Amino acid sequence: MSELKDRLRNDLTTAIKARDQMRSSTLRMVLSAITNAEVAGKEARELSDDDVIGVLSTESKKRREAATAFSDAGRGELADKETAEAAVIAEYLPEQLDAAAIAELVTAAIEQTDAADEGARAMGKVMGVVQPQVRGRADGAAVAAEVRRQLEP
């Protein structure tokens, strides 16, 4: 079993004992998403820590998007709840990359793939190199925007 999944289960037990409703409900939701990912597909499998981080990233992104949608609709209390859940999930994710670090990785990937002269057609090639390096540490949309910015003439 992955260490991260063990940590999530232990923290859930601690949150339940401490009667921390927000934390326990969020951890339950995350563990449920992990279990769903494990049984998805043709046969059940045990997720690695990298796979668990991928699930956590997806869940965190869902919370951020929901918080934005709720605040745009004038539902502040629901936006606050989603933001709080995202904060709990963020505790288990690796430290997020800032814009400068993403730009550095993209520049290195462009040099590595010799894609500087190809323009936007090389987007997939560059993203293929960058994505494994930033998985769980940066939003894919932010990475794609930086790749697009650097590839445009």
Protein backbone atom coordinates (compact mmCIF):
# COMPACT_ATOMS: atom_id res chain seq x y z
CA MET A 1 0.00 0.00 0.00
CA SER A 2 1.22 3.48 -0.75
CA GLU A 3 2.60 5.55 2.11
CA LEU A 4 0.42 8.51 1.14
CA LYS A 5 -2.76 6.42 1.29
CA ASP A 6 -1.70 5.12 4.72
CA ARG A 7 -1.10 8.69 5.87
CA LEU A 8 -4.55 9.73 4.63
CA ARG A 9 -6.20 6.86 6.52
CA ASN A 10 -4.30 7.63 9.73
CA ASP A 11 -5.16 11.33 9.46
CA LEU A 12 -8.82 10.42 8.90
CA THR A 13 -8.82 8.42 12.14
CA THR A 14 -7.22 11.35 13.97
CA ALA A 15 -9.75 13.80 12.50
CA ILE A 16 -12.68 11.59 13.51
CA LYS A 17 -11.35 11.29 17.06
CA ALA A 18 -10.87 15.07 17.20
CA ARG A 19 -14.44 15.55 15.87
CA ASP A 20 -13.12 17.71 13.03
CA GLN A 21 -16.07 17.50 10.63
CA MET A 22 -14.51 19.40 7.71
CA ARG A 23 -11.26 17.47 7.74
CA SER A 24 -12.86 14.05 8.23
CA SER A 25 -15.45 14.56 5.49
CA THR A 26 -12.78 15.80 3.07
CA LEU A 27 -10.45 12.88 3.83
CA ARG A 28 -13.34 10.43 3.43
CA MET A 29 -14.12 11.96 0.04
CA VAL A 30 -10.48 11.74 -1.05
CA LEU A 31 -10.13 8.12 0.10
CA SER A 32 -13.34 7.29 -1.76
CA ALA A 33 -11.93 8.87 -4.94
CA ILE A 34 -8.73 6.82 -4.50
CA THR A 35 -10.74 3.62 -4.08
CA ASN A 36 -12.76 4.46 -7.20
CA ALA A 37 -9.53 4.96 -9.14
CA GLU A 38 -8.22 1.62 -7.88
CA VAL A 39 -11.26 -0.32 -9.11
CA ALA A 40 -11.68 1.60 -12.37
CA GLY A 41 -10.75 -0.22 -15.54
CA LYS A 42 -10.79 -3.91 -16.31
CA GLU A 43 -9.13 -5.09 -13.11
CA ALA A 44 -8.53 -3.66 -9.65
CA ARG A 45 -5.03 -2.46 -8.82
CA GLU A 46 -3.15 -0.83 -5.98
CA LEU A 47 -2.28 2.81 -6.66
CA SER A 48 1.29 4.04 -6.22
CA ASP A 49 2.06 7.30 -4.45
CA ASP A 50 2.32 9.04 -7.85
CA ASP A 51 -1.14 7.75 -8.79
CA VAL A 52 -2.56 8.91 -5.46
CA ILE A 53 -1.03 12.36 -6.04
CA GLY A 54 -2.76 12.41 -9.42
CA VAL A 55 -6.12 11.68 -7.77
CA LEU A 56 -5.44 14.35 -5.13
CA SER A 57 -4.57 16.88 -7.84
CA THR A 58 -7.81 16.13 -9.67
CA GLU A 59 -9.87 16.48 -6.49
CA SER A 60 -8.11 19.73 -5.59
CA LYS A 61 -8.80 21.15 -9.03
CA LYS A 62 -12.48 20.20 -8.72
CA ARG A 63 -12.67 22.07 -5.41
CA ARG A 64 -11.00 25.19 -6.84
CA GLU A 65 -13.31 25.23 -9.85
CA ALA A 66 -16.40 24.68 -7.68
CA ALA A 67 -15.34 27.48 -5.32
CA THR A 68 -14.99 29.83 -8.30
CA ALA A 69 -18.38 28.81 -9.66
CA PHE A 70 -20.09 29.26 -6.28
CA SER A 71 -18.52 32.66 -5.65
CA ASP A 72 -19.51 33.81 -9.15
CA ALA A 73 -23.08 32.72 -8.39
CA GLY A 74 -23.09 34.65 -5.10
CA ARG A 75 -23.01 31.53 -2.91
CA GLY A 76 -20.21 32.56 -0.56
CA GLU A 77 -20.85 29.93 2.10
CA LEU A 78 -20.52 27.09 -0.40
CA ALA A 79 -17.45 28.71 -1.97
CA ASP A 80 -15.85 28.89 1.49
CA LYS A 81 -16.58 25.18 2.08
CA GLU A 82 -14.98 24.21 -1.24
CA THR A 83 -11.96 26.41 -0.51
CA ALA A 84 -11.53 24.80 2.91
CA GLU A 85 -11.68 21.32 1.34
CA ALA A 86 -9.07 22.34 -1.24
CA ALA A 87 -6.82 23.55 1.57
CA VAL A 88 -7.05 20.17 3.33
CA ILE A 89 -6.22 18.34 0.10
CA ALA A 90 -3.32 20.71 -0.61
CA GLU A 91 -1.61 19.54 2.59
CA TYR A 92 -1.02 16.16 0.93
CA LEU A 93 0.20 17.46 -2.41
CA PRO A 94 3.83 18.27 -3.18
CA GLU A 95 4.79 21.94 -3.04
CA GLN A 96 3.36 23.76 -6.05
CA LEU A 97 5.66 25.25 -8.67
CA ASP A 98 5.60 29.00 -9.24
CA ALA A 99 5.38 30.61 -12.68
CA ALA A 100 9.15 31.08 -12.92
CA ALA A 101 9.84 27.40 -12.24
CA ILE A 102 7.25 26.35 -14.82
CA ALA A 103 8.81 28.70 -17.38
CA GLU A 104 12.24 27.21 -16.66
CA LEU A 105 10.99 23.65 -17.17
CA VAL A 106 9.20 24.59 -20.39
CA THR A 107 12.31 26.33 -21.76
CA ALA A 108 14.41 23.24 -21.01
CA ALA A 109 11.81 20.98 -22.66
CA ILE A 110 11.73 23.14 -25.79
CA GLU A 111 15.52 22.94 -26.04
CA GLN A 112 15.47 19.19 -25.39
CA THR A 113 12.92 18.53 -28.14
CA ASP A 114 14.37 21.08 -30.61
CA ALA A 115 10.86 22.51 -30.94
CA ALA A 116 11.72 26.22 -30.95
CA ASP A 117 11.33 26.58 -34.73
CA GLU A 118 8.17 24.48 -35.05
CA GLY A 119 5.85 26.88 -33.26
CA ALA A 120 2.45 25.75 -31.98
CA ARG A 121 2.66 22.44 -33.88
CA ALA A 122 5.22 21.25 -31.32
CA MET A 123 2.86 21.81 -28.38
CA GLY A 124 2.15 18.09 -27.89
CA LYS A 125 5.81 17.15 -28.11
CA VAL A 126 6.81 19.72 -25.47
CA MET A 127 3.85 18.94 -23.19
CA GLY A 128 4.79 15.25 -23.35
CA VAL A 129 8.20 16.10 -21.90
CA VAL A 130 6.98 18.64 -19.32
CA GLN A 131 3.90 16.86 -17.92
CA PRO A 132 5.75 14.03 -16.11
CA GLN A 133 8.03 16.62 -14.47
CA VAL A 134 5.20 18.77 -13.11
CA ARG A 135 2.60 16.11 -12.28
CA GLY A 136 0.89 17.08 -9.04
CA ARG A 137 3.01 20.22 -8.68
CA ALA A 138 1.38 22.51 -11.26
CA ASP A 139 -1.96 22.97 -12.96
CA GLY A 140 -1.93 21.55 -16.49
CA ALA A 141 -3.68 24.64 -17.88
CA ALA A 142 -0.95 26.90 -16.50
CA VAL A 143 1.74 24.68 -18.02
CA ALA A 144 -0.04 24.60 -21.38
CA ALA A 145 -0.38 28.39 -21.37
CA GLU A 146 3.35 28.77 -20.71
CA VAL A 147 4.23 26.29 -23.49
CA ARG A 148 1.94 28.18 -25.89
CA ARG A 149 3.48 31.51 -24.87
CA GLN A 150 7.04 30.29 -25.43
CA LEU A 151 6.28 28.56 -28.74
CA GLU A 152 4.48 31.49 -30.35
CA PRO A 153 6.70 33.59 -32.62
